Amino acid sequence: MITNMHRVHIATFFTPDSPPAREESSESTANTLRELYAYPAETPRPWLRVNFVSSIDGAVSVDGVSGALGTPADALVFETLRELADIVLVGAGTVRAENYGGARVGAEGRRRRVASGMPEVPPIAVVSARAHLDPQARLFTDTEVAPIVVTCADADPARIRALADAGARIVTAGDGQISSEKLIAALDDLGLRRVLCEGGPSLFGQLIADDAVDEVCLTTAPVLAGGTAGRVATAPNARITAMTPAHILTDTDGTVLTRWVRLPRP
């Protein structure tokens, strides 16, 4: 018999009821989100936060990209998470599929970051064991901050040279493959401790398998998608990581925003 269930009280922030309150409500919402999604003040290692959006039926994309699942509330959280991060971490496959460019931060966000001792815009760090990236891609041509390419020591030197010539900062984290431990250590060496991972599913799956995930921010879009899209995380083997909800928010359009934090490591 279940004796300890309780009702979760959902907070709705995003859609004001009357136009006169819109500006104040928007500012209040943004401030509240920054508080709700603030990184821990001190951690023994970089804090790895993962952010994803999926449909109600679990699709992580529609026709190969996640944009069709976006909602205004999800976009606001997306912007907030990037503003708070030292680094945006993403897998090479997602960079190619989503045509990634550099991160964008608005004027107010830039001022807040500088006041906190951070650079105006966080760099994008791409994980690619073989340095298999196009130097002409938006990641290198449409950015204010040089991207970081995390690769292996035995990656093709010609590819590495081409990416460096395109402006990338090359970071080596292992031979043959990049473990989560070496990846996080490399980011730590660069002083990048507030990590925001935006996927894709393979990278997220590896981070789960390596017991590296501290937090998951998951948006559930109020749609069914069907199709053949996969899950937010995929890996050859399963690994259970116990998490607890930090908050559950909704918008009036049905978007559900959750933040899950792992239980303390033993």
C-alpha atoms as a PDB file:
ATOM      1  CA  MET A   1       0.000   0.000   0.000  1.00  0.00           C
ATOM      2  CA  ILE A   2       1.319   3.486  -0.946  1.00  0.00           C
ATOM      3  CA  THR A   3       1.242   5.820   2.045  1.00  0.00           C
ATOM      4  CA  ASN A   4       3.624   8.691   1.219  1.00  0.00           C
ATOM      5  CA  MET A   5       2.257  10.174  -2.009  1.00  0.00           C
ATOM      6  CA  HIS A   6       1.500  13.879  -2.082  1.00  0.00           C
ATOM      7  CA  ARG A   7       0.215  16.384  -4.567  1.00  0.00           C
ATOM      8  CA  VAL A   8       2.769  18.594  -6.278  1.00  0.00           C
ATOM      9  CA  HIS A   9       1.764  22.246  -6.251  1.00  0.00           C
ATOM     10  CA  ILE A  10       2.458  23.664  -9.685  1.00  0.00           C
ATOM     11  CA  ALA A  11       3.528  27.304 -10.021  1.00  0.00           C
ATOM     12  CA  THR A  12       2.417  29.131 -13.180  1.00  0.00           C
ATOM     13  CA  PHE A  13       4.532  32.171 -14.068  1.00  0.00           C
ATOM     14  CA  PHE A  14       4.617  32.854 -17.725  1.00  0.00           C
ATOM     15  CA  THR A  15       1.428  34.274 -19.196  1.00  0.00           C
ATOM     16  CA  PRO A  16       0.028  37.440 -17.547  1.00  0.00           C
ATOM     17  CA  ASP A  17      -3.755  37.843 -17.596  1.00  0.00           C
ATOM     18  CA  SER A  18      -3.852  41.523 -18.506  1.00  0.00           C
ATOM     19  CA  PRO A  19      -1.647  43.639 -20.847  1.00  0.00           C
ATOM     20  CA  PRO A  20      -0.826  46.392 -18.295  1.00  0.00           C
ATOM     21  CA  ALA A  21       0.914  43.847 -16.079  1.00  0.00           C
ATOM     22  CA  ARG A  22       2.954  42.362 -18.913  1.00  0.00           C
ATOM     23  CA  GLU A  23       6.184  44.339 -18.529  1.00  0.00           C
ATOM     24  CA  GLU A  24       6.356  43.975 -14.762  1.00  0.00           C
ATOM     25  CA  SER A  25       5.362  40.333 -14.944  1.00  0.00           C
ATOM     26  CA  SER A  26       8.024  39.613 -17.566  1.00  0.00           C
ATOM     27  CA  GLU A  27      10.772  41.196 -15.470  1.00  0.00           C
ATOM     28  CA  SER A  28       9.581  39.415 -12.338  1.00  0.00           C
ATOM     29  CA  THR A  29       9.463  36.110 -14.196  1.00  0.00           C
ATOM     30  CA  ALA A  30      13.009  36.513 -15.511  1.00  0.00           C
ATOM     31  CA  ASN A  31      14.331  37.335 -12.027  1.00  0.00           C
ATOM     32  CA  THR A  32      12.492  34.381 -10.546  1.00  0.00           C
ATOM     33  CA  LEU A  33      13.897  32.033 -13.176  1.00  0.00           C
ATOM     34  CA  ARG A  34      17.459  33.163 -12.493  1.00  0.00           C
ATOM     35  CA  GLU A  35      16.933  32.377  -8.821  1.00  0.00           C
ATOM     36  CA  LEU A  36      15.284  29.026  -9.519  1.00  0.00           C
ATOM     37  CA  TYR A  37      18.032  27.913 -11.897  1.00  0.00           C
ATOM     38  CA  ALA A  38      21.027  29.337 -10.035  1.00  0.00           C
ATOM     39  CA  TYR A  39      24.025  27.014  -9.870  1.00  0.00           C
ATOM     40  CA  PRO A  40      25.217  25.848  -6.445  1.00  0.00           C
ATOM     41  CA  ALA A  41      27.579  28.388  -4.877  1.00  0.00           C
ATOM     42  CA  GLU A  42      30.370  25.882  -4.308  1.00  0.00           C
ATOM     43  CA  THR A  43      30.943  22.367  -5.614  1.00  0.00           C
ATOM     44  CA  PRO A  44      33.988  20.052  -5.427  1.00  0.00           C
ATOM     45  CA  ARG A  45      33.939  19.671  -9.237  1.00  0.00           C
ATOM     46  CA  PRO A  46      32.287  21.381 -12.206  1.00  0.00           C
ATOM     47  CA  TRP A  47      28.487  21.186 -11.964  1.00  0.00           C
ATOM     48  CA  LEU A  48      27.066  19.491 -15.034  1.00  0.00           C
ATOM     49  CA  ARG A  49      23.547  20.585 -15.955  1.00  0.00           C
ATOM     50  CA  VAL A  50      21.759  19.037 -18.950  1.00  0.00           C
ATOM     51  CA  ASN A  51      18.898  20.805 -20.733  1.00  0.00           C
ATOM     52  CA  PHE A  52      16.467  19.106 -23.113  1.00  0.00           C
ATOM     53  CA  VAL A  53      12.996  19.505 -24.575  1.00  0.00           C
ATOM     54  CA  SER A  54      10.719  16.642 -25.574  1.00  0.00           C
ATOM     55  CA  SER A  55       7.123  16.064 -26.629  1.00  0.00           C
ATOM     56  CA  ILE A  56       4.566  14.443 -24.320  1.00  0.00           C
ATOM     57  CA  ASP A  57       5.206  11.130 -26.066  1.00  0.00           C
ATOM     58  CA  GLY A  58       8.964  11.444 -25.592  1.00  0.00           C
ATOM     59  CA  ALA A  59      10.159  12.647 -29.000  1.00  0.00           C
ATOM     60  CA  VAL A  60      13.339  14.674 -28.747  1.00  0.00           C
ATOM     61  CA  SER A  61      13.008  16.159 -32.224  1.00  0.00           C
ATOM     62  CA  VAL A  62      10.723  16.540 -35.231  1.00  0.00           C
ATOM     63  CA  ASP A  63      12.312  15.875 -38.627  1.00  0.00           C
ATOM     64  CA  GLY A  64      15.723  15.792 -36.973  1.00  0.00           C
ATOM     65  CA  VAL A  65      15.635  19.108 -35.105  1.00  0.00           C
ATOM     66  CA  SER A  66      14.224  20.212 -31.758  1.00  0.00           C
ATOM     67  CA  GLY A  67      12.936  23.638 -32.840  1.00  0.00           C
ATOM     68  CA  ALA A  68       9.404  22.426 -33.550  1.00  0.00           C
ATOM     69  CA  LEU A  69       9.061  21.480 -29.878  1.00  0.00           C
ATOM     70  CA  GLY A  70       9.966  24.926 -28.576  1.00  0.00           C
ATOM     71  CA  THR A  71       7.505  27.145 -26.718  1.00  0.00           C
ATOM     72  CA  PRO A  72       7.821  30.705 -25.331  1.00  0.00           C
ATOM     73  CA  ALA A  73       8.384  29.389 -21.812  1.00  0.00           C
ATOM     74  CA  ASP A  74      11.041  26.952 -23.006  1.00  0.00           C
ATOM     75  CA  ALA A  75      12.774  29.750 -24.918  1.00  0.00           C
ATOM     76  CA  LEU A  76      12.882  31.920 -21.788  1.00  0.00           C
ATOM     77  CA  VAL A  77      14.394  29.106 -19.734  1.00  0.00           C
ATOM     78  CA  PHE A  78      16.855  28.346 -22.565  1.00  0.00           C
ATOM     79  CA  GLU A  79      18.063  31.961 -22.504  1.00  0.00           C
ATOM     80  CA  THR A  80      18.262  31.955 -18.708  1.00  0.00           C
ATOM     81  CA  LEU A  81      20.343  28.784 -18.585  1.00  0.00           C
ATOM     82  CA  ARG A  82      22.801  30.131 -21.135  1.00  0.00           C
ATOM     83  CA  GLU A  83      23.119  33.398 -19.228  1.00  0.00           C
ATOM     84  CA  LEU A  84      24.019  31.529 -16.048  1.00  0.00           C
ATOM     85  CA  ALA A  85      26.542  29.133 -17.614  1.00  0.00           C
ATOM     86  CA  ASP A  86      30.315  29.355 -17.937  1.00  0.00           C
ATOM     87  CA  ILE A  87      30.254  27.030 -20.930  1.00  0.00           C
ATOM     88  CA  VAL A  88      27.673  25.486 -23.281  1.00  0.00           C
ATOM     89  CA  LEU A  89      28.616  21.881 -23.993  1.00  0.00           C
ATOM     90  CA  VAL A  90      27.256  20.036 -27.027  1.00  0.00           C
ATOM     91  CA  GLY A  91      28.018  16.957 -29.093  1.00  0.00           C
ATOM     92  CA  ALA A  92      29.282  17.218 -32.668  1.00  0.00           C
ATOM     93  CA  GLY A  93      26.226  15.435 -34.086  1.00  0.00           C
ATOM     94  CA  THR A  94      23.898  18.006 -32.550  1.00  0.00           C
ATOM     95  CA  VAL A  95      26.056  20.861 -33.836  1.00  0.00           C
ATOM     96  CA  ARG A  96      25.660  19.486 -37.338  1.00  0.00           C
ATOM     97  CA  ALA A  97      21.941  18.624 -37.069  1.00  0.00           C
ATOM     98  CA  GLU A  98      20.896  21.914 -35.458  1.00  0.00           C
ATOM     99  CA  ASN A  99      23.344  24.119 -37.394  1.00  0.00           C
ATOM    100  CA  TYR A 100      24.739  25.626 -34.182  1.00  0.00           C
ATOM    101  CA  GLY A 101      26.114  29.120 -34.091  1.00  0.00           C
ATOM    102  CA  GLY A 102      27.653  30.913 -31.161  1.00  0.00           C
ATOM    103  CA  ALA A 103      25.671  31.665 -28.008  1.00  0.00           C
ATOM    104  CA  ARG A 104      23.695  34.898 -27.841  1.00  0.00           C
ATOM    105  CA  VAL A 105      23.101  36.911 -24.665  1.00  0.00           C
ATOM    106  CA  GLY A 106      20.999  40.089 -24.502  1.00  0.00           C
ATOM    107  CA  ALA A 107      22.242  43.427 -23.233  1.00  0.00           C
ATOM    108  CA  GLU A 108      20.825  43.038 -19.705  1.00  0.00           C
ATOM    109  CA  GLY A 109      22.177  39.500 -19.475  1.00  0.00           C
ATOM    110  CA  ARG A 110      25.620  40.692 -20.521  1.00  0.00           C
ATOM    111  CA  ARG A 111      25.595  43.347 -17.809  1.00  0.00           C
ATOM    112  CA  ARG A 112      24.578  40.798 -15.205  1.00  0.00           C
ATOM    113  CA  ARG A 113      27.299  38.405 -16.326  1.00  0.00           C
ATOM    114  CA  VAL A 114      30.009  41.062 -16.226  1.00  0.00           C
ATOM    115  CA  ALA A 115      28.824  42.212 -12.784  1.00  0.00           C
ATOM    116  CA  SER A 116      29.230  38.600 -11.635  1.00  0.00           C
ATOM    117  CA  GLY A 117      32.785  38.420 -12.932  1.00  0.00           C
ATOM    118  CA  MET A 118      31.886  36.411 -16.058  1.00  0.00           C
ATOM    119  CA  PRO A 119      32.603  37.226 -19.714  1.00  0.00           C
ATOM    120  CA  GLU A 120      29.693  38.725 -21.644  1.00  0.00           C
ATOM    121  CA  VAL A 121      29.002  35.565 -23.650  1.00  0.00           C
ATOM    122  CA  PRO A 122      29.728  31.906 -22.830  1.00  0.00           C
ATOM    123  CA  PRO A 123      31.666  29.884 -25.407  1.00  0.00           C
ATOM    124  CA  ILE A 124      30.334  26.742 -27.059  1.00  0.00           C
ATOM    125  CA  ALA A 125      32.384  23.601 -26.412  1.00  0.00           C
ATOM    126  CA  VAL A 126      31.921  20.797 -28.924  1.00  0.00           C
ATOM    127  CA  VAL A 127      32.814  17.193 -28.101  1.00  0.00           C
ATOM    128  CA  SER A 128      34.214  15.421 -31.156  1.00  0.00           C
ATOM    129  CA  ALA A 129      36.668  12.582 -30.643  1.00  0.00           C
ATOM    130  CA  ARG A 130      37.695  12.696 -34.318  1.00  0.00           C
ATOM    131  CA  ALA A 131      37.453  16.490 -34.753  1.00  0.00           C
ATOM    132  CA  HIS A 132      34.856  15.797 -37.445  1.00  0.00           C
ATOM    133  CA  LEU A 133      33.538  19.326 -37.869  1.00  0.00           C
ATOM    134  CA  ASP A 134      33.240  21.689 -40.822  1.00  0.00           C
ATOM    135  CA  PRO A 135      35.461  24.772 -40.378  1.00  0.00           C
ATOM    136  CA  GLN A 136      32.920  26.711 -42.487  1.00  0.00           C
ATOM    137  CA  ALA A 137      30.004  25.846 -40.210  1.00  0.00           C
ATOM    138  CA  ARG A 138      28.108  28.571 -38.324  1.00  0.00           C
ATOM    139  CA  LEU A 139      29.788  27.443 -35.122  1.00  0.00           C
ATOM    140  CA  PHE A 140      32.984  29.078 -36.430  1.00  0.00           C
ATOM    141  CA  THR A 141      31.614  31.813 -38.699  1.00  0.00           C
ATOM    142  CA  ASP A 142      28.666  33.151 -36.679  1.00  0.00           C
ATOM    143  CA  THR A 143      29.989  33.629 -33.165  1.00  0.00           C
ATOM    144  CA  GLU A 144      31.367  36.359 -30.911  1.00  0.00           C
ATOM    145  CA  VAL A 145      33.462  33.941 -28.863  1.00  0.00           C
ATOM    146  CA  ALA A 146      35.860  31.347 -30.206  1.00  0.00           C
ATOM    147  CA  PRO A 147      34.407  27.864 -29.793  1.00  0.00           C
ATOM    148  CA  ILE A 148      36.236  25.126 -27.941  1.00  0.00           C
ATOM    149  CA  VAL A 149      36.689  21.771 -29.651  1.00  0.00           C
ATOM    150  CA  VAL A 150      37.275  18.925 -27.203  1.00  0.00           C
ATOM    151  CA  THR A 151      38.913  16.070 -29.070  1.00  0.00           C
ATOM    152  CA  CYS A 152      41.407  13.204 -28.765  1.00  0.00           C
ATOM    153  CA  ALA A 153      45.161  13.250 -29.092  1.00  0.00           C
ATOM    154  CA  ASP A 154      44.995  10.867 -32.050  1.00  0.00           C
ATOM    155  CA  ALA A 155      42.444  12.860 -34.069  1.00  0.00           C
ATOM    156  CA  ASP A 156      43.447  13.736 -37.632  1.00  0.00           C
ATOM    157  CA  PRO A 157      46.083  16.514 -37.368  1.00  0.00           C
ATOM    158  CA  ALA A 158      44.856  18.079 -40.612  1.00  0.00           C
ATOM    159  CA  ARG A 159      41.319  18.393 -39.224  1.00  0.00           C
ATOM    160  CA  ILE A 160      42.600  19.855 -35.986  1.00  0.00           C
ATOM    161  CA  ARG A 161      44.736  22.355 -37.866  1.00  0.00           C
ATOM    162  CA  ALA A 162      41.794  23.406 -40.045  1.00  0.00           C
ATOM    163  CA  LEU A 163      39.581  23.962 -36.999  1.00  0.00           C
ATOM    164  CA  ALA A 164      42.309  25.922 -35.225  1.00  0.00           C
ATOM    165  CA  ASP A 165      42.759  28.063 -38.353  1.00  0.00           C
ATOM    166  CA  ALA A 166      38.981  28.707 -38.244  1.00  0.00           C
ATOM    167  CA  GLY A 167      39.420  30.147 -34.757  1.00  0.00           C
ATOM    168  CA  ALA A 168      38.677  27.165 -32.518  1.00  0.00           C
ATOM    169  CA  ARG A 169      40.463  26.550 -29.272  1.00  0.00           C
ATOM    170  CA  ILE A 170      41.559  22.915 -29.314  1.00  0.00           C
ATOM    171  CA  VAL A 171      41.463  20.953 -26.059  1.00  0.00           C
ATOM    172  CA  THR A 172      42.703  17.362 -25.884  1.00  0.00           C
ATOM    173  CA  ALA A 173      40.931  15.050 -23.449  1.00  0.00           C
ATOM    174  CA  GLY A 174      42.076  11.475 -23.936  1.00  0.00           C
ATOM    175  CA  ASP A 175      43.400   9.053 -26.527  1.00  0.00           C
ATOM    176  CA  GLY A 176      40.968   7.283 -28.838  1.00  0.00           C
ATOM    177  CA  GLN A 177      37.870   8.299 -26.889  1.00  0.00           C
ATOM    178  CA  ILE A 178      36.745  11.048 -24.536  1.00  0.00           C
ATOM    179  CA  SER A 179      35.566   9.879 -21.134  1.00  0.00           C
ATOM    180  CA  SER A 180      33.264  12.079 -19.069  1.00  0.00           C
ATOM    181  CA  GLU A 181      35.906  12.236 -16.358  1.00  0.00           C
ATOM    182  CA  LYS A 182      38.534  13.608 -18.735  1.00  0.00           C
ATOM    183  CA  LEU A 183      36.019  15.957 -20.330  1.00  0.00           C
ATOM    184  CA  ILE A 184      35.017  17.460 -17.000  1.00  0.00           C
ATOM    185  CA  ALA A 185      38.650  17.663 -15.881  1.00  0.00           C
ATOM    186  CA  ALA A 186      39.520  19.553 -19.068  1.00  0.00           C
ATOM    187  CA  LEU A 187      36.723  22.062 -18.449  1.00  0.00           C
ATOM    188  CA  ASP A 188      37.830  22.409 -14.824  1.00  0.00           C
ATOM    189  CA  ASP A 189      41.382  23.164 -15.962  1.00  0.00           C
ATOM    190  CA  LEU A 190      39.962  26.013 -18.047  1.00  0.00           C
ATOM    191  CA  GLY A 191      38.081  27.387 -15.029  1.00  0.00           C
ATOM    192  CA  LEU A 192      34.706  26.492 -16.570  1.00  0.00           C
ATOM    193  CA  ARG A 193      32.742  25.060 -13.662  1.00  0.00           C
ATOM    194  CA  ARG A 194      29.113  25.933 -14.462  1.00  0.00           C
ATOM    195  CA  VAL A 195      28.502  23.587 -17.362  1.00  0.00           C
ATOM    196  CA  LEU A 196      25.336  23.583 -19.472  1.00  0.00           C
ATOM    197  CA  CYS A 197      25.042  20.545 -21.748  1.00  0.00           C
ATOM    198  CA  GLU A 198      22.516  20.872 -24.588  1.00  0.00           C
ATOM    199  CA  GLY A 199      22.889  17.358 -25.943  1.00  0.00           C
ATOM    200  CA  GLY A 200      22.654  15.450 -28.017  1.00  0.00           C
ATOM    201  CA  PRO A 201      21.251  12.112 -26.867  1.00  0.00           C
ATOM    202  CA  SER A 202      24.528  10.215 -27.336  1.00  0.00           C
ATOM    203  CA  LEU A 203      26.540  12.681 -25.268  1.00  0.00           C
ATOM    204  CA  PHE A 204      23.832  12.781 -22.589  1.00  0.00           C
ATOM    205  CA  GLY A 205      23.757   8.981 -22.560  1.00  0.00           C
ATOM    206  CA  GLN A 206      27.516   8.804 -22.081  1.00  0.00           C
ATOM    207  CA  LEU A 207      27.371  11.318 -19.241  1.00  0.00           C
ATOM    208  CA  ILE A 208      24.685   9.209 -17.536  1.00  0.00           C
ATOM    209  CA  ALA A 209      26.674   6.019 -18.055  1.00  0.00           C
ATOM    210  CA  ASP A 210      29.751   7.686 -16.539  1.00  0.00           C
ATOM    211  CA  ASP A 211      27.760   8.953 -13.523  1.00  0.00           C
ATOM    212  CA  ALA A 212      28.615  12.552 -14.409  1.00  0.00           C
ATOM    213  CA  VAL A 213      25.210  14.273 -14.494  1.00  0.00           C
ATOM    214  CA  ASP A 214      24.367  16.572 -11.583  1.00  0.00           C
ATOM    215  CA  GLU A 215      21.146  18.074 -12.884  1.00  0.00           C
ATOM    216  CA  VAL A 216      18.588  17.753 -15.665  1.00  0.00           C
ATOM    217  CA  CYS A 217      16.313  20.566 -16.859  1.00  0.00           C
ATOM    218  CA  LEU A 218      13.573  19.001 -18.945  1.00  0.00           C
ATOM    219  CA  THR A 219      10.850  20.848 -20.818  1.00  0.00           C
ATOM    220  CA  THR A 220       7.801  18.857 -21.883  1.00  0.00           C
ATOM    221  CA  ALA A 221       6.153  20.562 -24.839  1.00  0.00           C
ATOM    222  CA  PRO A 222       2.335  20.287 -24.887  1.00  0.00           C
ATOM    223  CA  VAL A 223       2.282  18.264 -28.111  1.00  0.00           C
ATOM    224  CA  LEU A 224       2.355  14.707 -29.387  1.00  0.00           C
ATOM    225  CA  ALA A 225       4.907  14.135 -32.138  1.00  0.00           C
ATOM    226  CA  GLY A 226       4.908  10.455 -33.096  1.00  0.00           C
ATOM    227  CA  GLY A 227       7.498   9.718 -35.763  1.00  0.00           C
ATOM    228  CA  THR A 228      10.793   7.924 -35.287  1.00  0.00           C
ATOM    229  CA  ALA A 229      12.651  10.412 -33.078  1.00  0.00           C
ATOM    230  CA  GLY A 230      14.671   8.918 -30.248  1.00  0.00           C
ATOM    231  CA  ARG A 231      14.870   9.626 -26.530  1.00  0.00           C
ATOM    232  CA  VAL A 232      16.747  12.464 -24.847  1.00  0.00           C
ATOM    233  CA  ALA A 233      19.518  10.022 -23.860  1.00  0.00           C
ATOM    234  CA  THR A 234      20.849   6.875 -25.502  1.00  0.00           C
ATOM    235  CA  ALA A 235      23.679   4.577 -24.436  1.00  0.00           C
ATOM    236  CA  PRO A 236      24.663   0.926 -24.930  1.00  0.00           C
ATOM    237  CA  ASN A 237      23.981   0.132 -21.271  1.00  0.00           C
ATOM    238  CA  ALA A 238      21.489   1.399 -18.716  1.00  0.00           C
ATOM    239  CA  ARG A 239      22.490   3.067 -15.456  1.00  0.00           C
ATOM    240  CA  ILE A 240      20.081   4.273 -12.778  1.00  0.00           C
ATOM    241  CA  THR A 241      20.785   7.669 -11.215  1.00  0.00           C
ATOM    242  CA  ALA A 242      18.465   8.756  -8.400  1.00  0.00           C
ATOM    243  CA  MET A 243      17.164  12.318  -8.860  1.00  0.00           C
ATOM    244  CA  THR A 244      14.834  14.584  -6.906  1.00  0.00           C
ATOM    245  CA  PRO A 245      12.694  17.450  -8.264  1.00  0.00           C
ATOM    246  CA  ALA A 246      13.990  20.930  -7.442  1.00  0.00           C
ATOM    247  CA  HIS A 247      10.934  22.526  -9.029  1.00  0.00           C
ATOM    248  CA  ILE A 248       8.057  21.912 -11.422  1.00  0.00           C
ATOM    249  CA  LEU A 249       6.648  24.877 -13.329  1.00  0.00           C
ATOM    250  CA  THR A 250       3.943  25.237 -15.958  1.00  0.00           C
ATOM    251  CA  ASP A 251       2.827  27.811 -18.478  1.00  0.00           C
ATOM    252  CA  THR A 252      -0.785  28.385 -19.412  1.00  0.00           C
ATOM    253  CA  ASP A 253      -0.141  26.831 -22.836  1.00  0.00           C
ATOM    254  CA  GLY A 254       0.587  23.519 -21.107  1.00  0.00           C
ATOM    255  CA  THR A 255       4.381  23.617 -21.208  1.00  0.00           C
ATOM    256  CA  VAL A 256       5.872  21.824 -18.190  1.00  0.00           C
ATOM    257  CA  LEU A 257       9.339  22.836 -16.973  1.00  0.00           C
ATOM    258  CA  THR A 258      11.108  20.573 -14.512  1.00  0.00           C
ATOM    259  CA  ARG A 259      14.469  20.769 -12.814  1.00  0.00           C
ATOM    260  CA  TRP A 260      15.843  17.510 -11.421  1.00  0.00           C
ATOM    261  CA  VAL A 261      18.913  17.367  -9.164  1.00  0.00           C
ATOM    262  CA  ARG A 262      20.742  14.185  -8.321  1.00  0.00           C
ATOM    263  CA  LEU A 263      20.731  12.923  -4.794  1.00  0.00           C
ATOM    264  CA  PRO A 264      24.066  13.366  -2.976  1.00  0.00           C
ATOM    265  CA  ARG A 265      26.788  11.020  -4.098  1.00  0.00           C
ATOM    266  CA  PRO A 266      27.694   8.432  -1.422  1.00  0.00           C
END
